[in-house]
């Protein structure tokens, strides 16, 4: 759309990002290990688990954005040409 920040395009993008974030959080919460097993694990196992959670979250977020129709071009400023 044309105009300021509060155009329908921005509201649509905001909703798409919000939905992707909610899905990412759901996946991370679903994959979280139990606190007792996390506390008992070695630091290397905790680092590995944390890395996998981050990768799963990022992957979920990016795929969700793509499925919801968000494309990189939407983030380019009009001045960039």
Foldseek 3Di string as FASTA:
>chain_A
DDDDCPDPVNVLLVVLQVVLQVQLVVVLVVLDDDPVVLVVDDPVVVVVSVVVSVVSSVVSSVVSSVVSPDDPVVPDDPVVD
